[in-house]
């Protein structure tokens, strides 16, 4: 009887220790449709990545990357803001010196890249990407592509789909 009691007494400790060594569970992300992204976005635009800069937050606990975008076309502009010619997109993660932070659900940007973005307002001209990586498409060869989601569409068709979603939204208000 002493052996059984001894094992049962050790079991909670074993479970607790096992929990410490198990890797963190991966967060699940709900896939958003183009309609949902269109509705959630405060701004939808096409632009070109001009500059990418990573830096620490004020507390030096997180690294954020600031992506400067030169805007070429607005499909959904911020109300009362007019057409903004340049915006900054803030994403979690980046590299500062020898220290890097990679966040799996954030969109990745390259200088010179042409992008189609669904954006949420933080504080103009500072934005975040709606739906994280789901809200960023790269424009290449006349096509809008989101490689992570495996979505590719002719740019004209993609724009027309967004405009149609915007018209439906206006009609339902």
N, C-alpha and C. Protein backbone atom coordinates (compact mmCIF):
# COMPACT_ATOMS: atom_id res chain seq x y z
N UNK A 1 0.81 -1.19 0.00
CA UNK A 1 0.00 0.00 0.00
C UNK A 1 0.85 1.26 0.00
N UNK A 2 2.00 1.22 0.62
CA UNK A 2 2.88 2.37 0.69
C UNK A 2 3.37 2.75 -0.70
N UNK A 3 3.66 1.78 -1.56
CA UNK A 3 4.15 2.05 -2.92
C UNK A 3 3.08 2.78 -3.73
N UNK A 4 1.82 2.35 -3.65
CA UNK A 4 0.73 2.99 -4.40
C UNK A 4 0.56 4.43 -3.92
N UNK A 5 0.57 4.65 -2.62
CA UNK A 5 0.43 5.99 -2.06
C UNK A 5 1.58 6.88 -2.51
N UNK A 6 2.77 6.34 -2.52
CA UNK A 6 3.95 7.08 -2.92
C UNK A 6 3.86 7.49 -4.38
N UNK A 7 3.40 6.61 -5.23
CA UNK A 7 3.25 6.91 -6.66
C UNK A 7 2.16 7.96 -6.87
N UNK A 8 1.02 7.80 -6.20
CA UNK A 8 -0.07 8.77 -6.34
C UNK A 8 0.35 10.15 -5.84
N UNK A 9 1.14 10.19 -4.78
CA UNK A 9 1.61 11.47 -4.26
C UNK A 9 2.57 12.16 -5.22
N UNK A 10 3.32 11.39 -5.98
CA UNK A 10 4.30 11.94 -6.92
C UNK A 10 3.66 12.32 -8.25
N UNK A 11 2.50 11.79 -8.54
CA UNK A 11 1.85 12.03 -9.83
C UNK A 11 1.59 13.51 -10.11
N UNK A 12 1.03 14.31 -9.19
CA UNK A 12 0.82 15.74 -9.49
C UNK A 12 2.12 16.48 -9.79
N UNK A 13 3.17 16.12 -9.10
CA UNK A 13 4.47 16.76 -9.35
C UNK A 13 4.96 16.40 -10.75
N UNK A 14 4.81 15.14 -11.14
CA UNK A 14 5.22 14.69 -12.47
C UNK A 14 4.43 15.41 -13.55
N UNK A 15 3.12 15.54 -13.34
CA UNK A 15 2.28 16.24 -14.32
C UNK A 15 2.70 17.70 -14.44
N UNK A 16 2.98 18.34 -13.32
CA UNK A 16 3.41 19.73 -13.32
C UNK A 16 4.74 19.89 -14.05
N UNK A 17 5.68 19.03 -13.77
CA UNK A 17 6.98 19.11 -14.44
C UNK A 17 6.88 18.83 -15.93
N UNK A 18 6.03 17.90 -16.31
CA UNK A 18 5.84 17.60 -17.73
C UNK A 18 5.30 18.83 -18.45
N UNK A 19 4.39 19.55 -17.81
CA UNK A 19 3.83 20.76 -18.40
C UNK A 19 4.88 21.83 -18.65
N UNK A 20 5.91 21.86 -17.84
CA UNK A 20 6.97 22.86 -18.02
C UNK A 20 7.82 22.58 -19.25
N UNK A 21 7.94 21.30 -19.62
CA UNK A 21 8.84 20.93 -20.72
C UNK A 21 8.13 20.74 -22.04
N UNK A 22 6.83 20.76 -22.03
CA UNK A 22 6.07 20.63 -23.27
C UNK A 22 6.09 21.97 -23.98
N UNK A 23 6.32 21.96 -25.29
CA UNK A 23 6.36 23.23 -26.02
C UNK A 23 5.00 23.91 -25.99
N UNK A 24 5.04 25.21 -26.14
CA UNK A 24 3.81 25.99 -26.13
C UNK A 24 2.88 25.54 -27.25
N UNK A 25 1.61 25.54 -26.99
CA UNK A 25 0.64 25.19 -28.02
C UNK A 25 0.60 26.31 -29.05
N UNK A 26 0.39 25.96 -30.29
CA UNK A 26 0.31 26.96 -31.34
C UNK A 26 -1.08 27.57 -31.33
N UNK A 27 -1.11 28.87 -31.48
CA UNK A 27 -2.39 29.57 -31.53
C UNK A 27 -3.09 29.24 -32.84
N UNK A 28 -4.37 29.08 -32.78
CA UNK A 28 -5.14 28.83 -33.98
C UNK A 28 -5.67 30.15 -34.50
N UNK A 29 -5.62 30.32 -35.79
CA UNK A 29 -6.12 31.53 -36.40
C UNK A 29 -7.30 31.16 -37.29
N UNK A 30 -8.37 31.87 -37.12
CA UNK A 30 -9.55 31.66 -37.94
C UNK A 30 -9.30 32.31 -39.29
N UNK A 31 -9.50 31.54 -40.34
CA UNK A 31 -9.30 32.09 -41.68
C UNK A 31 -10.42 33.07 -41.99
N UNK A 32 -10.02 34.23 -42.48
CA UNK A 32 -10.98 35.29 -42.81
C UNK A 32 -11.18 35.34 -44.32
N UNK A 33 -12.40 35.55 -44.71
CA UNK A 33 -12.71 35.70 -46.13
C UNK A 33 -12.34 37.12 -46.56
N UNK A 34 -12.29 37.32 -47.86
CA UNK A 34 -12.03 38.66 -48.40
C UNK A 34 -13.14 39.62 -47.94
N UNK A 35 -14.37 39.13 -47.86
CA UNK A 35 -15.49 39.95 -47.41
C UNK A 35 -15.27 40.39 -45.96
N UNK A 36 -14.82 39.47 -45.11
CA UNK A 36 -14.58 39.81 -43.70
C UNK A 36 -13.44 40.82 -43.57
N UNK A 37 -12.36 40.60 -44.32
CA UNK A 37 -11.24 41.54 -44.28
C UNK A 37 -11.67 42.92 -44.76
N UNK A 38 -12.49 42.96 -45.82
CA UNK A 38 -12.98 44.23 -46.36
C UNK A 38 -13.80 44.97 -45.30
N UNK A 39 -14.66 44.25 -44.60
CA UNK A 39 -15.51 44.86 -43.57
C UNK A 39 -14.68 45.33 -42.38
N UNK A 40 -13.70 44.52 -41.94
CA UNK A 40 -12.89 44.85 -40.76
C UNK A 40 -11.90 45.98 -41.00
N UNK A 41 -11.45 46.12 -42.23
CA UNK A 41 -10.40 47.10 -42.54
C UNK A 41 -10.93 48.53 -42.47
N UNK A 42 -10.14 49.40 -41.87
CA UNK A 42 -10.45 50.83 -41.86
C UNK A 42 -9.98 51.47 -43.17
N UNK A 43 -8.98 50.85 -43.78
CA UNK A 43 -8.40 51.36 -45.01
C UNK A 43 -7.94 50.18 -45.85
N UNK A 44 -8.13 50.28 -47.16
CA UNK A 44 -7.64 49.26 -48.09
C UNK A 44 -6.90 50.00 -49.18
N UNK A 45 -5.67 49.57 -49.45
CA UNK A 45 -4.86 50.32 -50.41
C UNK A 45 -3.82 49.46 -51.12
N UNK A 46 -3.27 50.06 -52.15
CA UNK A 46 -2.16 49.47 -52.89
C UNK A 46 -0.99 50.44 -52.75
N UNK A 47 0.18 49.91 -52.54
CA UNK A 47 1.35 50.77 -52.39
C UNK A 47 2.64 50.00 -52.56
N UNK A 48 3.73 50.72 -52.38
CA UNK A 48 5.06 50.13 -52.54
C UNK A 48 5.86 50.34 -51.25
N UNK A 49 6.55 49.28 -50.82
CA UNK A 49 7.36 49.35 -49.60
C UNK A 49 8.59 50.20 -49.87
N UNK A 50 8.71 51.31 -49.13
CA UNK A 50 9.84 52.22 -49.29
C UNK A 50 10.96 51.93 -48.30
N UNK A 51 10.58 51.66 -47.05
CA UNK A 51 11.59 51.53 -46.00
C UNK A 51 11.08 50.56 -44.93
N UNK A 52 12.01 49.80 -44.36
CA UNK A 52 11.69 48.88 -43.26
C UNK A 52 12.67 49.14 -42.14
N UNK A 53 12.14 49.39 -40.93
CA UNK A 53 12.99 49.68 -39.79
C UNK A 53 12.44 48.98 -38.55
N UNK A 54 13.29 48.24 -37.85
CA UNK A 54 12.89 47.57 -36.61
C UNK A 54 13.49 48.30 -35.42
N UNK A 55 12.71 48.37 -34.32
CA UNK A 55 13.23 49.00 -33.10
C UNK A 55 12.48 48.46 -31.89
N UNK A 56 13.11 48.66 -30.73
CA UNK A 56 12.52 48.25 -29.46
C UNK A 56 11.36 49.16 -29.09
N UNK A 57 10.40 48.60 -28.32
CA UNK A 57 9.39 49.47 -27.72
C UNK A 57 10.05 50.22 -26.56
N UNK A 58 9.33 51.15 -25.96
CA UNK A 58 9.91 51.99 -24.90
C UNK A 58 10.41 51.18 -23.72
N UNK A 59 9.74 50.07 -23.39
CA UNK A 59 10.13 49.25 -22.24
C UNK A 59 11.26 48.28 -22.57
N UNK A 60 11.65 48.22 -23.84
CA UNK A 60 12.66 47.27 -24.33
C UNK A 60 12.25 45.81 -24.05
N UNK A 61 10.95 45.54 -24.21
CA UNK A 61 10.45 44.19 -24.01
C UNK A 61 9.99 43.54 -25.32
N UNK A 62 9.74 44.34 -26.34
CA UNK A 62 9.28 43.85 -27.64
C UNK A 62 9.97 44.60 -28.76
N UNK A 63 10.14 43.91 -29.87
CA UNK A 63 10.65 44.55 -31.08
C UNK A 63 9.49 44.67 -32.05
N UNK A 64 9.35 45.84 -32.65
CA UNK A 64 8.36 46.07 -33.70
C UNK A 64 9.08 46.51 -34.96
N UNK A 65 8.50 46.18 -36.09
CA UNK A 65 9.03 46.63 -37.38
C UNK A 65 8.05 47.64 -37.94
N UNK A 66 8.61 48.73 -38.44
CA UNK A 66 7.82 49.82 -39.02
C UNK A 66 8.11 49.83 -40.52
N UNK A 67 7.06 49.62 -41.32
CA UNK A 67 7.18 49.52 -42.76
C UNK A 67 6.54 50.76 -43.38
N UNK A 68 7.35 51.56 -44.07
CA UNK A 68 6.85 52.76 -44.73
C UNK A 68 6.36 52.38 -46.12
N UNK A 69 5.11 52.73 -46.39
CA UNK A 69 4.47 52.40 -47.67
C UNK A 69 4.11 53.69 -48.40
N UNK A 70 4.53 53.77 -49.66
CA UNK A 70 4.12 54.86 -50.53
C UNK A 70 2.83 54.42 -51.21
N UNK A 71 1.73 55.12 -50.93
CA UNK A 71 0.41 54.71 -51.40
C UNK A 71 0.18 55.16 -52.84
N UNK A 72 -0.24 54.22 -53.69
CA UNK A 72 -0.54 54.56 -55.08
C UNK A 72 -2.04 54.56 -55.37
N UNK A 73 -2.80 53.78 -54.59
CA UNK A 73 -4.25 53.70 -54.84
C UNK A 73 -4.99 53.37 -53.54
N UNK A 74 -6.08 54.11 -53.27
CA UNK A 74 -6.95 53.84 -52.13
C UNK A 74 -8.21 53.18 -52.65
N UNK A 75 -8.59 52.05 -52.07
CA UNK A 75 -9.89 51.46 -52.38
C UNK A 75 -10.88 51.80 -51.28
N UNK A 76 -10.39 51.92 -50.06
CA UNK A 76 -11.20 52.32 -48.91
C UNK A 76 -10.33 53.27 -48.09
N UNK A 77 -10.70 54.53 -48.08
CA UNK A 77 -9.91 55.54 -47.37
C UNK A 77 -10.53 55.78 -46.00
N UNK A 78 -9.72 56.25 -45.09
CA UNK A 78 -10.21 56.61 -43.77
C UNK A 78 -11.16 57.79 -43.88
N UNK A 79 -12.28 57.70 -43.21
CA UNK A 79 -13.23 58.82 -43.27
C UNK A 79 -12.63 60.04 -42.58
N UNK A 80 -12.74 61.17 -43.25
CA UNK A 80 -12.23 62.43 -42.71
C UNK A 80 -10.73 62.62 -42.88
N UNK A 81 -10.03 61.64 -43.42
CA UNK A 81 -8.58 61.74 -43.58
C UNK A 81 -8.17 62.08 -45.01
N UNK A 82 -9.07 61.86 -45.96
CA UNK A 82 -8.70 62.08 -47.35
C UNK A 82 -7.72 61.01 -47.81
N UNK A 83 -7.05 61.30 -48.88
CA UNK A 83 -6.09 60.34 -49.44
C UNK A 83 -4.72 60.56 -48.81
N UNK A 84 -4.25 59.61 -48.07
CA UNK A 84 -2.94 59.67 -47.45
C UNK A 84 -1.92 59.12 -48.44
N UNK A 85 -0.84 59.85 -48.67
CA UNK A 85 0.16 59.43 -49.66
C UNK A 85 1.20 58.47 -49.11
N UNK A 86 1.39 58.50 -47.79
CA UNK A 86 2.38 57.62 -47.19
C UNK A 86 1.88 57.17 -45.83
N UNK A 87 2.04 55.88 -45.55
CA UNK A 87 1.61 55.33 -44.27
C UNK A 87 2.75 54.51 -43.68
N UNK A 88 2.60 54.20 -42.40
CA UNK A 88 3.55 53.32 -41.73
C UNK A 88 2.75 52.16 -41.14
N UNK A 89 3.17 50.94 -41.49
CA UNK A 89 2.53 49.74 -40.96
C UNK A 89 3.43 49.19 -39.86
N UNK A 90 2.84 48.96 -38.70
CA UNK A 90 3.57 48.43 -37.54
C UNK A 90 3.25 46.95 -37.40
N UNK A 91 4.31 46.12 -37.39
CA UNK A 91 4.13 44.68 -37.19
C UNK A 91 5.01 44.22 -36.04
N UNK A 92 4.55 43.19 -35.34
CA UNK A 92 5.34 42.63 -34.24
C UNK A 92 6.52 41.85 -34.81
N UNK A 93 7.65 41.95 -34.13
CA UNK A 93 8.84 41.20 -34.53
C UNK A 93 9.80 42.04 -35.33
N UNK A 94 10.98 41.49 -35.57
CA UNK A 94 12.02 42.15 -36.33
C UNK A 94 13.38 41.88 -35.70
N UNK A 95 14.39 42.57 -36.20
CA UNK A 95 15.75 42.44 -35.69
C UNK A 95 16.33 43.79 -35.33
N UNK A 96 16.91 43.87 -34.13
CA UNK A 96 17.61 45.06 -33.69
C UNK A 96 18.98 44.58 -33.22
N UNK A 97 20.02 44.97 -33.94
CA UNK A 97 21.36 44.49 -33.62
C UNK A 97 21.44 42.98 -33.77
N UNK A 98 21.90 42.32 -32.73
CA UNK A 98 22.04 40.86 -32.76
C UNK A 98 20.81 40.14 -32.22
N UNK A 99 19.78 40.87 -31.87
CA UNK A 99 18.60 40.27 -31.26
C UNK A 99 17.44 40.32 -32.25
N UNK A 100 16.78 39.18 -32.42
CA UNK A 100 15.64 39.12 -33.33
C UNK A 100 14.43 38.51 -32.66
N UNK A 101 13.27 38.90 -33.12
CA UNK A 101 12.00 38.36 -32.65
C UNK A 101 11.18 38.02 -33.89
N UNK A 102 10.81 36.76 -34.01
CA UNK A 102 9.99 36.33 -35.14
C UNK A 102 8.62 35.93 -34.60
N UNK A 103 7.58 36.49 -35.22
CA UNK A 103 6.21 36.19 -34.82
C UNK A 103 5.54 35.54 -36.02
N UNK A 104 5.05 34.32 -35.83
CA UNK A 104 4.61 33.49 -36.95
C UNK A 104 3.41 34.03 -37.72
N UNK A 105 2.53 34.78 -37.09
CA UNK A 105 1.31 35.21 -37.78
C UNK A 105 1.38 36.61 -38.38
N UNK A 106 2.56 37.24 -38.31
CA UNK A 106 2.67 38.59 -38.85
C UNK A 106 3.10 38.55 -40.32
N UNK A 107 2.65 39.52 -41.10
CA UNK A 107 3.06 39.56 -42.50
C UNK A 107 4.53 39.97 -42.62
N UNK A 108 5.18 39.49 -43.65
CA UNK A 108 6.57 39.84 -43.93
C UNK A 108 6.60 40.79 -45.13
N UNK A 109 7.50 41.76 -45.08
CA UNK A 109 7.62 42.77 -46.14
C UNK A 109 9.05 42.81 -46.65
N UNK A 110 9.21 43.24 -47.92
CA UNK A 110 10.52 43.46 -48.54
C UNK A 110 10.54 44.84 -49.17
N UNK A 111 11.66 45.53 -49.05
CA UNK A 111 11.78 46.84 -49.70
C UNK A 111 11.58 46.69 -51.19
N UNK A 112 10.83 47.63 -51.78
CA UNK A 112 10.55 47.61 -53.21
C UNK A 112 9.34 46.76 -53.59
N UNK A 113 8.81 46.02 -52.67
CA UNK A 113 7.67 45.13 -52.92
C UNK A 113 6.39 45.95 -53.10
N UNK A 114 5.59 45.60 -54.10
CA UNK A 114 4.28 46.22 -54.27
C UNK A 114 3.27 45.39 -53.51
N UNK A 115 2.44 46.05 -52.68
CA UNK A 115 1.54 45.33 -51.79
C UNK A 115 0.11 45.83 -51.89
N UNK A 116 -0.80 44.95 -51.57
CA UNK A 116 -2.23 45.23 -51.44
C UNK A 116 -2.54 44.94 -49.98
N UNK A 117 -3.02 45.95 -49.23
CA UNK A 117 -3.17 45.81 -47.79
C UNK A 117 -4.57 46.14 -47.28
N UNK A 118 -5.03 45.32 -46.35
CA UNK A 118 -6.23 45.58 -45.56
C UNK A 118 -5.71 46.07 -44.21
N UNK A 119 -6.03 47.30 -43.84
CA UNK A 119 -5.40 47.92 -42.67
C UNK A 119 -6.39 48.33 -41.59
N UNK A 120 -5.91 48.27 -40.36
CA UNK A 120 -6.63 48.79 -39.20
C UNK A 120 -5.88 50.03 -38.72
N UNK A 121 -6.61 51.02 -38.26
CA UNK A 121 -5.99 52.25 -37.80
C UNK A 121 -5.45 52.08 -36.39
N UNK A 122 -4.22 52.50 -36.20
CA UNK A 122 -3.69 52.62 -34.84
C UNK A 122 -3.74 54.11 -34.49
N UNK A 123 -3.01 54.90 -35.23
CA UNK A 123 -3.02 56.36 -35.09
C UNK A 123 -2.41 56.91 -36.38
N UNK A 124 -3.24 57.40 -37.31
CA UNK A 124 -2.69 57.82 -38.61
C UNK A 124 -1.47 58.70 -38.45
N UNK A 125 -0.43 58.46 -39.23
CA UNK A 125 -0.35 57.51 -40.32
C UNK A 125 0.12 56.11 -39.92
N UNK A 126 -0.09 55.68 -38.64
CA UNK A 126 0.34 54.37 -38.18
C UNK A 126 -0.82 53.38 -38.26
N UNK A 127 -0.55 52.22 -38.90
CA UNK A 127 -1.57 51.20 -39.12
C UNK A 127 -1.04 49.83 -38.74
N UNK A 128 -1.96 48.88 -38.59
CA UNK A 128 -1.61 47.46 -38.47
C UNK A 128 -2.38 46.72 -39.55
N UNK A 129 -1.94 45.52 -39.89
CA UNK A 129 -2.58 44.75 -40.96
C UNK A 129 -3.76 43.97 -40.37
N UNK A 130 -4.95 44.18 -40.94
CA UNK A 130 -6.14 43.44 -40.51
C UNK A 130 -5.96 41.97 -40.85
N UNK A 131 -6.28 41.11 -39.91
CA UNK A 131 -6.15 39.67 -40.16
C UNK A 131 -4.71 39.19 -40.19
N UNK A 132 -3.79 40.03 -39.71
CA UNK A 132 -2.35 39.71 -39.69
C UNK A 132 -1.88 39.31 -41.09
N UNK A 133 -1.25 38.15 -41.27
CA UNK A 133 -0.72 37.80 -42.59
C UNK A 133 -1.82 37.66 -43.64
N UNK A 134 -3.05 37.46 -43.20
CA UNK A 134 -4.16 37.29 -44.15
C UNK A 134 -4.51 38.58 -44.88
N UNK A 135 -4.14 39.72 -44.28
CA UNK A 135 -4.50 41.01 -44.85
C UNK A 135 -3.43 41.64 -45.71
N UNK A 136 -2.40 40.86 -46.07
CA UNK A 136 -1.32 41.39 -46.91
C UNK A 136 -1.15 40.52 -48.15
N UNK A 137 -1.25 41.15 -49.30
CA UNK A 137 -1.04 40.47 -50.57
C UNK A 137 0.11 41.14 -51.30
N UNK A 138 0.90 40.36 -51.99
CA UNK A 138 1.97 40.89 -52.81
C UNK A 138 1.45 40.97 -54.24
N UNK A 139 1.76 42.07 -54.91
CA UNK A 139 1.34 42.22 -56.30
C UNK A 139 2.55 41.91 -57.18
N UNK A 140 2.39 40.89 -58.01
CA UNK A 140 3.45 40.47 -58.94
C UNK A 140 2.80 40.06 -60.26
N UNK A 141 3.37 40.51 -61.35
CA UNK A 141 2.91 40.12 -62.68
C UNK A 141 1.40 40.30 -62.86
N UNK A 142 0.86 41.42 -62.32
CA UNK A 142 -0.56 41.71 -62.49
C UNK A 142 -1.47 40.82 -61.66
N UNK A 143 -0.92 40.18 -60.63
CA UNK A 143 -1.70 39.27 -59.79
C UNK A 143 -1.51 39.63 -58.32
N UNK A 144 -2.57 39.46 -57.53
CA UNK A 144 -2.50 39.63 -56.07
C UNK A 144 -2.29 38.24 -55.48
N UNK A 145 -1.22 38.11 -54.68
CA UNK A 145 -0.88 36.79 -54.14
C UNK A 145 -0.68 36.84 -52.63
N UNK A 146 -1.26 35.85 -51.97
CA UNK A 146 -0.95 35.59 -50.57
C UNK A 146 -0.44 34.16 -50.55
N UNK A 147 0.87 34.01 -50.54
CA UNK A 147 1.49 32.68 -50.63
C UNK A 147 1.17 31.80 -49.43
N UNK A 148 1.05 32.39 -48.25
CA UNK A 148 0.77 31.60 -47.05
C UNK A 148 -0.60 30.94 -47.15
N UNK A 149 -1.59 31.69 -47.63
CA UNK A 149 -2.94 31.15 -47.79
C UNK A 149 -3.12 30.37 -49.09
N UNK A 150 -2.17 30.52 -50.00
CA UNK A 150 -2.29 29.85 -51.30
C UNK A 150 -3.34 30.50 -52.18
N UNK A 151 -3.53 31.81 -52.03
CA UNK A 151 -4.53 32.54 -52.82
C UNK A 151 -3.81 33.38 -53.86
N UNK A 152 -4.31 33.31 -55.08
CA UNK A 152 -3.76 34.11 -56.17
C UNK A 152 -4.92 34.48 -57.09
N UNK A 153 -4.95 35.76 -57.47
CA UNK A 153 -6.05 36.24 -58.30
C UNK A 153 -5.53 37.35 -59.21
N UNK A 154 -6.06 37.46 -60.43
CA UNK A 154 -5.69 38.62 -61.25
C UNK A 154 -6.03 39.89 -60.48
N UNK A 155 -5.13 40.86 -60.49
CA UNK A 155 -5.30 42.07 -59.71
C UNK A 155 -6.61 42.78 -60.02
N UNK A 156 -6.96 42.91 -61.30
CA UNK A 156 -8.21 43.58 -61.67
C UNK A 156 -9.43 42.89 -61.06
N UNK A 157 -9.46 41.57 -61.10
CA UNK A 157 -10.57 40.81 -60.52
C UNK A 157 -10.62 40.99 -59.01
N UNK A 158 -9.44 41.00 -58.38
CA UNK A 158 -9.35 41.16 -56.94
C UNK A 158 -9.88 42.54 -56.53
N UNK A 159 -9.47 43.57 -57.25
CA UNK A 159 -9.93 44.94 -56.98
C UNK A 159 -11.44 45.02 -57.17
N UNK A 160 -11.95 44.42 -58.25
CA UNK A 160 -13.40 44.45 -58.50
C UNK A 160 -14.18 43.74 -57.39
N UNK A 161 -13.62 42.64 -56.89
CA UNK A 161 -14.25 41.92 -55.78
C UNK A 161 -14.33 42.80 -54.54
N UNK A 162 -13.24 43.50 -54.24
CA UNK A 162 -13.21 44.39 -53.08
C UNK A 162 -14.22 45.52 -53.26
N UNK A 163 -14.22 46.14 -54.44
CA UNK A 163 -15.17 47.23 -54.71
C UNK A 163 -16.61 46.75 -54.58
N UNK A 164 -16.88 45.54 -55.04
CA UNK A 164 -18.22 44.95 -54.90
C UNK A 164 -18.58 44.77 -53.43
N UNK A 165 -17.62 44.29 -52.63
CA UNK A 165 -17.86 44.13 -51.18
C UNK A 165 -18.13 45.47 -50.53
N UNK A 166 -17.40 46.49 -50.94
CA UNK A 166 -17.59 47.83 -50.38
C UNK A 166 -18.98 48.38 -50.74
N UNK A 167 -19.42 48.15 -51.95
CA UNK A 167 -20.75 48.59 -52.37
C UNK A 167 -21.83 47.89 -51.57
N UNK A 168 -21.66 46.58 -51.35
CA UNK A 168 -22.63 45.82 -50.54
C UNK A 168 -22.69 46.37 -49.13
N UNK A 169 -21.53 46.71 -48.58
CA UNK A 169 -21.47 47.26 -47.22
C UNK A 169 -22.20 48.59 -47.15
N UNK A 170 -22.00 49.46 -48.14
CA UNK A 170 -22.69 50.75 -48.17
C UNK A 170 -24.20 50.56 -48.28
N UNK A 171 -24.60 49.60 -49.13
CA UNK A 171 -26.03 49.35 -49.33
C UNK A 171 -26.73 48.80 -48.12
N UNK A 172 -26.00 48.09 -47.26
CA UNK A 172 -26.63 47.49 -46.07
C UNK A 172 -26.65 48.43 -44.87
N UNK A 173 -26.03 49.60 -44.99
CA UNK A 173 -26.00 50.53 -43.85
C UNK A 173 -27.18 51.48 -43.88
